[in-house]
């Protein structure tokens, strides 16, 4: 599963991005991989491990909701229910 969100600052024209994806690691755990920053500059990356896919998926949904509340918009998503990604 993947989601890519953006937020535009209308005054400065800066575009901030947030990329979230779920991947399985070599040990069989699920990782929620988050990357965020300003477009055109190196971003910050964080990995959060989960034992169950459901827990990783819930974490991703919660994060998308929180980001949407801060003005981010989903511009791309992939994976199960991706057509509903904007409504997490």
PDB file of N, CA and C in Angstrom:
ATOM      1  N   UNK A   1       0.843  -1.178   0.000  1.00  0.00           N
ATOM      2  CA  UNK A   1       0.000   0.000   0.000  1.00  0.00           C
ATOM      3  C   UNK A   1       0.886   1.239   0.000  1.00  0.00           C
ATOM      4  N   UNK A   2       0.454   2.238  -0.728  1.00  0.00           N
ATOM      5  CA  UNK A   2       1.186   3.495  -0.790  1.00  0.00           C
ATOM      6  C   UNK A   2       0.204   4.656  -0.838  1.00  0.00           C
ATOM      7  N   UNK A   3       0.631   5.776  -0.311  1.00  0.00           N
ATOM      8  CA  UNK A   3      -0.129   7.020  -0.440  1.00  0.00           C
ATOM      9  C   UNK A   3       0.871   8.162  -0.537  1.00  0.00           C
ATOM     10  N   UNK A   4       0.586   9.103  -1.420  1.00  0.00           N
ATOM     11  CA  UNK A   4       1.422  10.291  -1.575  1.00  0.00           C
ATOM     12  C   UNK A   4       0.516  11.498  -1.388  1.00  0.00           C
ATOM     13  N   UNK A   5       0.899  12.361  -0.442  1.00  0.00           N
ATOM     14  CA  UNK A   5       0.091  13.533  -0.123  1.00  0.00           C
ATOM     15  C   UNK A   5       0.918  14.793  -0.333  1.00  0.00           C
ATOM     16  N   UNK A   6       0.239  15.893  -0.628  1.00  0.00           N
ATOM     17  CA  UNK A   6       0.910  17.186  -0.784  1.00  0.00           C
ATOM     18  C   UNK A   6       0.100  18.279  -0.101  1.00  0.00           C
ATOM     19  N   UNK A   7       0.850  19.317   0.300  1.00  0.00           N
ATOM     20  CA  UNK A   7       0.227  20.517   0.872  1.00  0.00           C
ATOM     21  C   UNK A   7       0.915  21.711   0.242  1.00  0.00           C
ATOM     22  N   UNK A   8       0.149  22.647  -0.261  1.00  0.00           N
ATOM     23  CA  UNK A   8       0.686  23.832  -0.916  1.00  0.00           C
ATOM     24  C   UNK A   8       0.533  25.036  -0.007  1.00  0.00           C
ATOM     25  N   UNK A   9       1.624  25.790   0.169  1.00  0.00           N
ATOM     26  CA  UNK A   9       1.559  27.055   0.889  1.00  0.00           C
ATOM     27  C   UNK A   9       1.239  28.127  -0.150  1.00  0.00           C
ATOM     28  N   UNK A  10       0.018  28.678  -0.126  1.00  0.00           N
ATOM     29  CA  UNK A  10      -0.383  29.629  -1.165  1.00  0.00           C
ATOM     30  C   UNK A  10       0.405  30.933  -1.140  1.00  0.00           C
ATOM     31  N   UNK A  11       0.971  31.293  -0.009  1.00  0.00           N
ATOM     32  CA  UNK A  11       1.717  32.548   0.080  1.00  0.00           C
ATOM     33  C   UNK A  11       3.101  32.412  -0.537  1.00  0.00           C
ATOM     34  N   UNK A  12       3.851  31.379  -0.128  1.00  0.00           N
ATOM     35  CA  UNK A  12       5.226  31.218  -0.605  1.00  0.00           C
ATOM     36  C   UNK A  12       5.328  30.341  -1.842  1.00  0.00           C
ATOM     37  N   UNK A  13       4.283  29.551  -2.100  1.00  0.00           N
ATOM     38  CA  UNK A  13       4.316  28.636  -3.230  1.00  0.00           C
ATOM     39  C   UNK A  13       5.050  27.332  -2.937  1.00  0.00           C
ATOM     40  N   UNK A  14       5.513  27.152  -1.699  1.00  0.00           N
ATOM     41  CA  UNK A  14       6.199  25.920  -1.314  1.00  0.00           C
ATOM     42  C   UNK A  14       5.235  24.744  -1.349  1.00  0.00           C
ATOM     43  N   UNK A  15       5.742  23.612  -1.797  1.00  0.00           N
ATOM     44  CA  UNK A  15       4.967  22.374  -1.819  1.00  0.00           C
ATOM     45  C   UNK A  15       5.620  21.403  -0.848  1.00  0.00           C
ATOM     46  N   UNK A  16       4.863  20.952   0.132  1.00  0.00           N
ATOM     47  CA  UNK A  16       5.330  19.970   1.112  1.00  0.00           C
ATOM     48  C   UNK A  16       4.716  18.635   0.749  1.00  0.00           C
ATOM     49  N   UNK A  17       5.497  17.571   0.891  1.00  0.00           N
ATOM     50  CA  UNK A  17       5.003  16.247   0.541  1.00  0.00           C
ATOM     51  C   UNK A  17       5.115  15.293   1.720  1.00  0.00           C
ATOM     52  N   UNK A  18       4.334  14.238   1.663  1.00  0.00           N
ATOM     53  CA  UNK A  18       4.366  13.177   2.660  1.00  0.00           C
ATOM     54  C   UNK A  18       4.069  11.880   1.924  1.00  0.00           C
ATOM     55  N   UNK A  19       5.005  10.959   1.953  1.00  0.00           N
ATOM     56  CA  UNK A  19       4.854   9.666   1.303  1.00  0.00           C
ATOM     57  C   UNK A  19       4.777   8.588   2.376  1.00  0.00           C
ATOM     58  N   UNK A  20       3.808   7.692   2.257  1.00  0.00           N
ATOM     59  CA  UNK A  20       3.621   6.618   3.234  1.00  0.00           C
ATOM     60  C   UNK A  20       3.474   5.315   2.461  1.00  0.00           C
ATOM     61  N   UNK A  21       4.184   4.287   2.898  1.00  0.00           N
ATOM     62  CA  UNK A  21       3.998   2.984   2.279  1.00  0.00           C
ATOM     63  C   UNK A  21       4.174   1.869   3.298  1.00  0.00           C
ATOM     64  N   UNK A  22       3.581   0.737   2.989  1.00  0.00           N
ATOM     65  CA  UNK A  22       3.702  -0.440   3.848  1.00  0.00           C
ATOM     66  C   UNK A  22       4.449  -1.505   3.058  1.00  0.00           C
ATOM     67  N   UNK A  23       5.510  -2.039   3.664  1.00  0.00           N
ATOM     68  CA  UNK A  23       6.293  -3.100   3.035  1.00  0.00           C
ATOM     69  C   UNK A  23       6.674  -4.129   4.080  1.00  0.00           C
ATOM     70  N   UNK A  24       6.864  -5.342   3.640  1.00  0.00           N
ATOM     71  CA  UNK A  24       7.325  -6.407   4.528  1.00  0.00           C
ATOM     72  C   UNK A  24       8.852  -6.393   4.533  1.00  0.00           C
ATOM     73  N   UNK A  25       9.450  -6.539   5.724  1.00  0.00           N
ATOM     74  CA  UNK A  25      10.918  -6.567   5.809  1.00  0.00           C
ATOM     75  C   UNK A  25      11.425  -8.009   5.712  1.00  0.00           C
ATOM     76  N   UNK A  26      12.738  -8.185   5.768  1.00  0.00           N
ATOM     77  CA  UNK A  26      13.332  -9.511   5.623  1.00  0.00           C
ATOM     78  C   UNK A  26      13.012 -10.452   6.776  1.00  0.00           C
ATOM     79  N   UNK A  27      12.590  -9.923   7.891  1.00  0.00           N
ATOM     80  CA  UNK A  27      12.242 -10.740   9.054  1.00  0.00           C
ATOM     81  C   UNK A  27      10.751 -11.104   9.080  1.00  0.00           C
ATOM     82  N   UNK A  28      10.009 -10.668   8.073  1.00  0.00           N
ATOM     83  CA  UNK A  28       8.598 -11.001   7.992  1.00  0.00           C
ATOM     84  C   UNK A  28       7.673 -10.013   8.672  1.00  0.00           C
ATOM     85  N   UNK A  29       8.226  -8.966   9.279  1.00  0.00           N
ATOM     86  CA  UNK A  29       7.383  -7.937   9.900  1.00  0.00           C
ATOM     87  C   UNK A  29       6.974  -6.920   8.845  1.00  0.00           C
ATOM     88  N   UNK A  30       5.969  -6.168   9.167  1.00  0.00           N
ATOM     89  CA  UNK A  30       5.495  -5.105   8.279  1.00  0.00           C
ATOM     90  C   UNK A  30       6.075  -3.775   8.728  1.00  0.00           C
ATOM     91  N   UNK A  31       6.487  -2.959   7.775  1.00  0.00           N
ATOM     92  CA  UNK A  31       7.062  -1.646   8.056  1.00  0.00           C
ATOM     93  C   UNK A  31       6.174  -0.561   7.459  1.00  0.00           C
ATOM     94  N   UNK A  32       5.855   0.443   8.254  1.00  0.00           N
ATOM     95  CA  UNK A  32       5.245   1.658   7.713  1.00  0.00           C
ATOM     96  C   UNK A  32       6.406   2.616   7.491  1.00  0.00           C
ATOM     97  N   UNK A  33       6.632   2.942   6.227  1.00  0.00           N
ATOM     98  CA  UNK A  33       7.756   3.803   5.850  1.00  0.00           C
ATOM     99  C   UNK A  33       7.184   5.174   5.513  1.00  0.00           C
ATOM    100  N   UNK A  34       7.649   6.176   6.256  1.00  0.00           N
ATOM    101  CA  UNK A  34       7.166   7.545   6.059  1.00  0.00           C
ATOM    102  C   UNK A  34       8.315   8.411   5.588  1.00  0.00           C
ATOM    103  N   UNK A  35       8.066   9.221   4.577  1.00  0.00           N
ATOM    104  CA  UNK A  35       9.045  10.201   4.120  1.00  0.00           C
ATOM    105  C   UNK A  35       8.323  11.519   3.925  1.00  0.00           C
ATOM    106  N   UNK A  36       8.919  12.607   4.418  1.00  0.00           N
ATOM    107  CA  UNK A  36       8.271  13.905   4.290  1.00  0.00           C
ATOM    108  C   UNK A  36       9.321  14.996   4.136  1.00  0.00           C
ATOM    109  N   UNK A  37       8.881  16.121   3.583  1.00  0.00           N
ATOM    110  CA  UNK A  37       9.777  17.260   3.404  1.00  0.00           C
ATOM    111  C   UNK A  37       9.201  18.247   2.405  1.00  0.00           C
ATOM    112  N   UNK A  38      10.040  19.200   2.017  1.00  0.00           N
ATOM    113  CA  UNK A  38       9.644  20.196   1.025  1.00  0.00           C
ATOM    114  C   UNK A  38      10.109  19.708  -0.338  1.00  0.00           C
ATOM    115  N   UNK A  39       9.283  19.848  -1.353  1.00  0.00           N
ATOM    116  CA  UNK A  39       9.656  19.410  -2.694  1.00  0.00           C
ATOM    117  C   UNK A  39      10.951  20.079  -3.121  1.00  0.00           C
ATOM    118  N   UNK A  40      11.840  19.280  -3.702  1.00  0.00           N
ATOM    119  CA  UNK A  40      13.118  19.792  -4.167  1.00  0.00           C
ATOM    120  C   UNK A  40      14.232  19.698  -3.143  1.00  0.00           C
ATOM    121  N   UNK A  41      13.926  19.235  -1.954  1.00  0.00           N
ATOM    122  CA  UNK A  41      14.967  19.094  -0.932  1.00  0.00           C
ATOM    123  C   UNK A  41      14.908  17.677  -0.361  1.00  0.00           C
ATOM    124  N   UNK A  42      16.012  17.204   0.232  1.00  0.00           N
ATOM    125  CA  UNK A  42      16.003  15.855   0.805  1.00  0.00           C
ATOM    126  C   UNK A  42      14.965  15.757   1.920  1.00  0.00           C
ATOM    127  N   UNK A  43      14.290  14.643   1.981  1.00  0.00           N
ATOM    128  CA  UNK A  43      13.263  14.457   2.994  1.00  0.00           C
ATOM    129  C   UNK A  43      13.778  13.686   4.193  1.00  0.00           C
ATOM    130  N   UNK A  44      12.931  13.574   5.184  1.00  0.00           N
ATOM    131  CA  UNK A  44      13.197  12.787   6.382  1.00  0.00           C
ATOM    132  C   UNK A  44      12.481  11.452   6.222  1.00  0.00           C
ATOM    133  N   UNK A  45      13.135  10.363   6.598  1.00  0.00           N
ATOM    134  CA  UNK A  45      12.551   9.027   6.471  1.00  0.00           C
ATOM    135  C   UNK A  45      12.498   8.365   7.840  1.00  0.00           C
ATOM    136  N   UNK A  46      11.365   7.736   8.137  1.00  0.00           N
ATOM    137  CA  UNK A  46      11.192   6.990   9.389  1.00  0.00           C
ATOM    138  C   UNK A  46      10.541   5.645   9.079  1.00  0.00           C
ATOM    139  N   UNK A  47      10.987   4.605   9.775  1.00  0.00           N
ATOM    140  CA  UNK A  47      10.444   3.259   9.642  1.00  0.00           C
ATOM    141  C   UNK A  47       9.824   2.853  10.972  1.00  0.00           C
ATOM    142  N   UNK A  48       8.603   2.333  10.938  1.00  0.00           N
ATOM    143  CA  UNK A  48       7.945   1.854  12.154  1.00  0.00           C
ATOM    144  C   UNK A  48       7.508   0.406  11.902  1.00  0.00           C
ATOM    145  N   UNK A  49       8.049  -0.557  12.675  1.00  0.00           N
ATOM    146  CA  UNK A  49       7.717  -1.965  12.448  1.00  0.00           C
ATOM    147  C   UNK A  49       6.412  -2.381  13.137  1.00  0.00           C
ATOM    148  N   UNK A  50       5.702  -3.310  12.502  1.00  0.00           N
ATOM    149  CA  UNK A  50       4.476  -3.899  13.051  1.00  0.00           C
ATOM    150  C   UNK A  50       4.514  -5.399  12.787  1.00  0.00           C
ATOM    151  N   UNK A  51       3.998  -6.180  13.717  1.00  0.00           N
ATOM    152  CA  UNK A  51       3.954  -7.626  13.534  1.00  0.00           C
ATOM    153  C   UNK A  51       2.817  -8.051  12.604  1.00  0.00           C
ATOM    154  N   UNK A  52       1.731  -7.297  12.597  1.00  0.00           N
ATOM    155  CA  UNK A  52       0.560  -7.659  11.798  1.00  0.00           C
ATOM    156  C   UNK A  52       0.289  -6.595  10.729  1.00  0.00           C
ATOM    157  N   UNK A  53      -0.091  -7.056   9.538  1.00  0.00           N
ATOM    158  CA  UNK A  53      -0.416  -6.144   8.454  1.00  0.00           C
ATOM    159  C   UNK A  53      -1.563  -5.219   8.848  1.00  0.00           C
ATOM    160  N   UNK A  54      -2.565  -5.752   9.537  1.00  0.00           N
ATOM    161  CA  UNK A  54      -3.715  -4.953   9.950  1.00  0.00           C
ATOM    162  C   UNK A  54      -3.279  -3.757  10.788  1.00  0.00           C
ATOM    163  N   UNK A  55      -2.331  -3.977  11.714  1.00  0.00           N
ATOM    164  CA  UNK A  55      -1.856  -2.882  12.570  1.00  0.00           C
ATOM    165  C   UNK A  55      -1.129  -1.815  11.744  1.00  0.00           C
ATOM    166  N   UNK A  56      -0.329  -2.252  10.773  1.00  0.00           N
ATOM    167  CA  UNK A  56       0.367  -1.306   9.900  1.00  0.00           C
ATOM    168  C   UNK A  56      -0.643  -0.517   9.069  1.00  0.00           C
ATOM    169  N   UNK A  57      -1.655  -1.203   8.580  1.00  0.00           N
ATOM    170  CA  UNK A  57      -2.683  -0.558   7.771  1.00  0.00           C
ATOM    171  C   UNK A  57      -3.464   0.474   8.593  1.00  0.00           C
ATOM    172  N   UNK A  58      -3.807   0.138   9.807  1.00  0.00           N
ATOM    173  CA  UNK A  58      -4.518   1.085  10.678  1.00  0.00           C
ATOM    174  C   UNK A  58      -3.652   2.301  10.984  1.00  0.00           C
ATOM    175  N   UNK A  59      -2.360   2.078  11.197  1.00  0.00           N
ATOM    176  CA  UNK A  59      -1.442   3.188  11.445  1.00  0.00           C
ATOM    177  C   UNK A  59      -1.396   4.125  10.240  1.00  0.00           C
ATOM    178  N   UNK A  60      -1.344   3.533   9.054  1.00  0.00           N
ATOM    179  CA  UNK A  60      -1.310   4.341   7.831  1.00  0.00           C
ATOM    180  C   UNK A  60      -2.605   5.133   7.669  1.00  0.00           C
ATOM    181  N   UNK A  61      -3.724   4.503   7.908  1.00  0.00           N
ATOM    182  CA  UNK A  61      -5.014   5.204   7.793  1.00  0.00           C
ATOM    183  C   UNK A  61      -5.104   6.368   8.777  1.00  0.00           C
ATOM    184  N   UNK A  62      -4.671   6.134  10.003  1.00  0.00           N
ATOM    185  CA  UNK A  62      -4.687   7.193  11.019  1.00  0.00           C
ATOM    186  C   UNK A  62      -3.791   8.349  10.594  1.00  0.00           C
ATOM    187  N   UNK A  63      -2.611   8.032  10.075  1.00  0.00           N
ATOM    188  CA  UNK A  63      -1.678   9.062   9.637  1.00  0.00           C
ATOM    189  C   UNK A  63      -2.250   9.879   8.488  1.00  0.00           C
ATOM    190  N   UNK A  64      -2.892   9.214   7.520  1.00  0.00           N
ATOM    191  CA  UNK A  64      -3.508   9.939   6.407  1.00  0.00           C
ATOM    192  C   UNK A  64      -4.610  10.870   6.923  1.00  0.00           C
ATOM    193  N   UNK A  65      -5.391  10.407   7.865  1.00  0.00           N
ATOM    194  CA  UNK A  65      -6.442  11.258   8.451  1.00  0.00           C
ATOM    195  C   UNK A  65      -5.845  12.490   9.135  1.00  0.00           C
ATOM    196  N   UNK A  66      -4.790  12.280   9.934  1.00  0.00           N
ATOM    197  CA  UNK A  66      -4.143  13.387  10.636  1.00  0.00           C
ATOM    198  C   UNK A  66      -3.561  14.397   9.652  1.00  0.00           C
ATOM    199  N   UNK A  67      -2.931  13.905   8.598  1.00  0.00           N
ATOM    200  CA  UNK A  67      -2.344  14.798   7.600  1.00  0.00           C
ATOM    201  C   UNK A  67      -3.429  15.563   6.840  1.00  0.00           C
ATOM    202  N   UNK A  68      -4.532  14.894   6.556  1.00  0.00           N
ATOM    203  CA  UNK A  68      -5.647  15.568   5.878  1.00  0.00           C
ATOM    204  C   UNK A  68      -6.185  16.707   6.734  1.00  0.00           C
ATOM    205  N   UNK A  69      -6.234  16.489   8.042  1.00  0.00           N
ATOM    206  CA  UNK A  69      -6.674  17.548   8.959  1.00  0.00           C
ATOM    207  C   UNK A  69      -5.716  18.735   8.950  1.00  0.00           C
ATOM    208  N   UNK A  70      -4.456  18.501   8.566  1.00  0.00           N
ATOM    209  CA  UNK A  70      -3.450  19.573   8.514  1.00  0.00           C
ATOM    210  C   UNK A  70      -3.353  20.210   7.132  1.00  0.00           C
ATOM    211  N   UNK A  71      -4.247  19.824   6.218  1.00  0.00           N
ATOM    212  CA  UNK A  71      -4.275  20.462   4.908  1.00  0.00           C
ATOM    213  C   UNK A  71      -3.625  19.677   3.787  1.00  0.00           C
ATOM    214  N   UNK A  72      -3.117  18.491   4.056  1.00  0.00           N
ATOM    215  CA  UNK A  72      -2.541  17.665   3.003  1.00  0.00           C
ATOM    216  C   UNK A  72      -3.656  17.017   2.197  1.00  0.00           C
ATOM    217  N   UNK A  73      -3.403  16.809   0.904  1.00  0.00           N
ATOM    218  CA  UNK A  73      -4.364  16.141   0.040  1.00  0.00           C
ATOM    219  C   UNK A  73      -3.702  14.917  -0.580  1.00  0.00           C
ATOM    220  N   UNK A  74      -4.453  13.811  -0.654  1.00  0.00           N
ATOM    221  CA  UNK A  74      -3.946  12.608  -1.303  1.00  0.00           C
ATOM    222  C   UNK A  74      -3.927  12.858  -2.803  1.00  0.00           C
ATOM    223  N   UNK A  75      -2.739  12.748  -3.420  1.00  0.00           N
ATOM    224  CA  UNK A  75      -2.635  12.958  -4.863  1.00  0.00           C
ATOM    225  C   UNK A  75      -2.382  11.650  -5.601  1.00  0.00           C
ATOM    226  N   UNK A  76      -1.981  10.594  -4.866  1.00  0.00           N
ATOM    227  CA  UNK A  76      -1.757   9.285  -5.485  1.00  0.00           C
ATOM    228  C   UNK A  76      -1.831   8.213  -4.411  1.00  0.00           C
ATOM    229  N   UNK A  77      -2.418   7.078  -4.774  1.00  0.00           N
ATOM    230  CA  UNK A  77      -2.437   5.949  -3.849  1.00  0.00           C
ATOM    231  C   UNK A  77      -2.448   4.650  -4.643  1.00  0.00           C
ATOM    232  N   UNK A  78      -1.920   3.596  -4.026  1.00  0.00           N
ATOM    233  CA  UNK A  78      -1.881   2.267  -4.624  1.00  0.00           C
ATOM    234  C   UNK A  78      -2.201   1.251  -3.545  1.00  0.00           C
ATOM    235  N   UNK A  79      -2.774   0.129  -3.959  1.00  0.00           N
ATOM    236  CA  UNK A  79      -3.031  -0.938  -3.016  1.00  0.00           C
ATOM    237  C   UNK A  79      -4.498  -1.170  -2.797  1.00  0.00           C
ATOM    238  N   UNK A  80      -4.815  -2.071  -1.861  1.00  0.00           N
ATOM    239  CA  UNK A  80      -6.221  -2.376  -1.580  1.00  0.00           C
ATOM    240  C   UNK A  80      -7.007  -1.112  -1.221  1.00  0.00           C
ATOM    241  N   UNK A  81      -8.163  -0.983  -1.827  1.00  0.00           N
ATOM    242  CA  UNK A  81      -9.050   0.154  -1.571  1.00  0.00           C
ATOM    243  C   UNK A  81      -8.417   1.485  -1.921  1.00  0.00           C
ATOM    244  N   UNK A  82      -7.478   1.490  -2.892  1.00  0.00           N
ATOM    245  CA  UNK A  82      -6.810   2.749  -3.223  1.00  0.00           C
ATOM    246  C   UNK A  82      -7.779   3.793  -3.740  1.00  0.00           C
ATOM    247  N   UNK A  83      -8.885   3.355  -4.338  1.00  0.00           N
ATOM    248  CA  UNK A  83      -9.875   4.335  -4.814  1.00  0.00           C
ATOM    249  C   UNK A  83     -10.497   5.093  -3.663  1.00  0.00           C
ATOM    250  N   UNK A  84     -10.413   4.508  -2.445  1.00  0.00           N
ATOM    251  CA  UNK A  84     -10.964   5.149  -1.260  1.00  0.00           C
ATOM    252  C   UNK A  84      -9.895   5.840  -0.421  1.00  0.00           C
ATOM    253  N   UNK A  85      -8.668   5.927  -0.940  1.00  0.00           N
ATOM    254  CA  UNK A  85      -7.550   6.437  -0.137  1.00  0.00           C
ATOM    255  C   UNK A  85      -7.812   7.850   0.384  1.00  0.00           C
ATOM    256  N   UNK A  86      -8.501   8.665  -0.391  1.00  0.00           N
ATOM    257  CA  UNK A  86      -8.748  10.047   0.045  1.00  0.00           C
ATOM    258  C   UNK A  86      -9.725  10.106   1.211  1.00  0.00           C
ATOM    259  N   UNK A  87     -10.384   8.981   1.497  1.00  0.00           N
ATOM    260  CA  UNK A  87     -11.399   8.970   2.543  1.00  0.00           C
ATOM    261  C   UNK A  87     -10.992   8.146   3.750  1.00  0.00           C
ATOM    262  N   UNK A  88      -9.716   7.868   3.930  1.00  0.00           N
ATOM    263  CA  UNK A  88      -9.247   7.075   5.082  1.00  0.00           C
ATOM    264  C   UNK A  88      -9.805   7.655   6.352  1.00  0.00           C
TER     265      UNK A  88
END
